Amino acid sequence: MARTIKTKSRASLINLAPPPRKKRPESLTGREQEILELIWAGFKNKEIGQRLKISVKTVEAHRANMMKKMRVSNTAQLLKTAIQGNIIKIR
C-alpha cells in the first residue's frame, strides 16, 4: 500500500518567513533628538539633566536607547552616525 506524505502548501510556507526588518537606524524620539543635540554641544549627562529638568539616570537611559537604535557602542560613534544620517547638522 502506497503511503502519501502531506506537505504544507507553498502559500503557508511564505507565512513562516521572518517579518521584514525595521529601517536602520530607527528614528529618534523628540527627547532623544534634544539630548543628542546637547551631547553635540558638549554638555555632560548631569548638565543635560539639569537643563531638561530630568534625572541623570533618565539622560543615561535616553543615551543608551539612542546608541542601541543606531547600533553604536560609544558617544563618538553616536555623533558620527548622527552626522552621516543627517540627524544633526554641523553649523
Protein backbone atom coordinates (compact mmCIF):
# COMPACT_ATOMS: atom_id res chain seq x y z
CA MET A 1 0.00 0.00 0.00
CA ALA A 2 1.48 3.32 -1.07
CA ARG A 3 1.90 5.89 1.62
CA THR A 4 1.40 9.56 0.90
CA ILE A 5 3.12 12.27 2.87
CA LYS A 6 1.28 15.50 3.27
CA THR A 7 3.34 18.63 2.79
CA LYS A 8 2.50 22.19 3.59
CA SER A 9 1.41 24.24 0.65
CA ARG A 10 3.75 26.87 -0.74
CA ALA A 11 1.40 29.64 0.44
CA SER A 12 1.62 28.52 4.06
CA LEU A 13 5.42 28.40 3.91
CA ILE A 14 5.53 32.05 2.90
CA ASN A 15 3.87 32.89 6.21
CA LEU A 16 6.82 31.30 8.04
CA ALA A 17 9.28 33.87 6.69
CA PRO A 18 10.61 36.29 9.31
CA PRO A 19 8.98 39.72 9.37
CA PRO A 20 10.81 42.43 7.43
CA ARG A 21 13.49 44.23 9.44
CA LYS A 22 12.90 47.78 10.55
CA LYS A 23 14.71 50.55 8.75
CA ARG A 24 18.10 51.39 10.23
CA PRO A 25 18.58 53.46 12.21
CA GLU A 26 15.24 53.68 13.91
CA SER A 27 14.04 57.23 14.19
CA LEU A 28 14.77 59.07 17.40
CA THR A 29 12.10 60.49 19.65
CA GLY A 30 11.88 64.23 20.13
CA ARG A 31 13.51 63.95 23.56
CA GLU A 32 16.32 61.77 22.20
CA GLN A 33 16.89 64.32 19.43
CA GLU A 34 17.05 67.09 22.03
CA ILE A 35 19.55 65.16 24.16
CA LEU A 36 21.64 64.29 21.10
CA GLU A 37 21.94 67.97 20.24
CA LEU A 38 23.03 68.76 23.80
CA ILE A 39 25.63 65.98 23.64
CA TRP A 40 26.85 67.51 20.37
CA ALA A 41 27.05 70.90 22.13
CA GLY A 42 29.40 69.31 24.69
CA PHE A 43 27.13 69.04 27.73
CA LYS A 44 27.69 66.25 30.27
CA ASN A 45 24.85 63.99 31.42
CA LYS A 46 24.45 65.91 34.68
CA GLU A 47 24.28 69.24 32.82
CA ILE A 48 21.76 67.85 30.33
CA GLY A 49 19.62 66.56 33.19
CA GLN A 50 19.66 69.94 34.93
CA ARG A 51 18.82 71.79 31.71
CA LEU A 52 15.91 69.49 30.85
CA LYS A 53 14.80 69.00 34.47
CA ILE A 54 15.22 65.22 34.30
CA SER A 55 17.44 62.87 36.28
CA VAL A 56 20.91 61.82 35.20
CA LYS A 57 19.60 58.23 35.05
CA THR A 58 16.95 59.32 32.54
CA VAL A 59 19.59 61.05 30.40
CA GLU A 60 21.71 57.89 30.55
CA ALA A 61 18.70 55.78 29.53
CA HIS A 62 17.98 58.04 26.54
CA ARG A 63 21.65 57.91 25.51
CA ALA A 64 21.67 54.10 25.78
CA ASN A 65 18.46 53.87 23.71
CA MET A 66 19.94 56.11 21.01
CA MET A 67 23.11 54.03 20.89
CA LYS A 68 21.07 50.83 20.61
CA LYS A 69 18.86 52.25 17.85
CA MET A 70 21.87 53.49 15.90
CA ARG A 71 23.85 50.31 16.62
CA VAL A 72 26.91 52.04 18.03
CA SER A 73 28.90 51.47 21.21
CA ASN A 74 30.25 54.87 22.20
CA THR A 75 29.49 58.59 22.05
CA ALA A 76 31.93 59.32 19.23
CA GLN A 77 30.24 56.71 17.02
CA LEU A 78 26.83 58.04 18.07
CA LEU A 79 27.71 61.55 16.92
CA LYS A 80 29.42 60.34 13.73
CA THR A 81 26.40 58.23 12.78
CA ALA A 82 24.03 61.10 13.58
CA ILE A 83 26.00 63.46 11.34
CA GLN A 84 26.20 60.94 8.49
CA GLY A 85 22.47 60.26 8.78
CA ASN A 86 21.64 63.99 8.78
CA ILE A 87 20.11 63.64 12.23
CA ILE A 88 22.20 66.54 13.49
CA LYS A 89 23.62 69.32 11.38
CA ILE A 90 27.10 70.78 11.67
CA ARG A 91 26.94 74.55 11.81
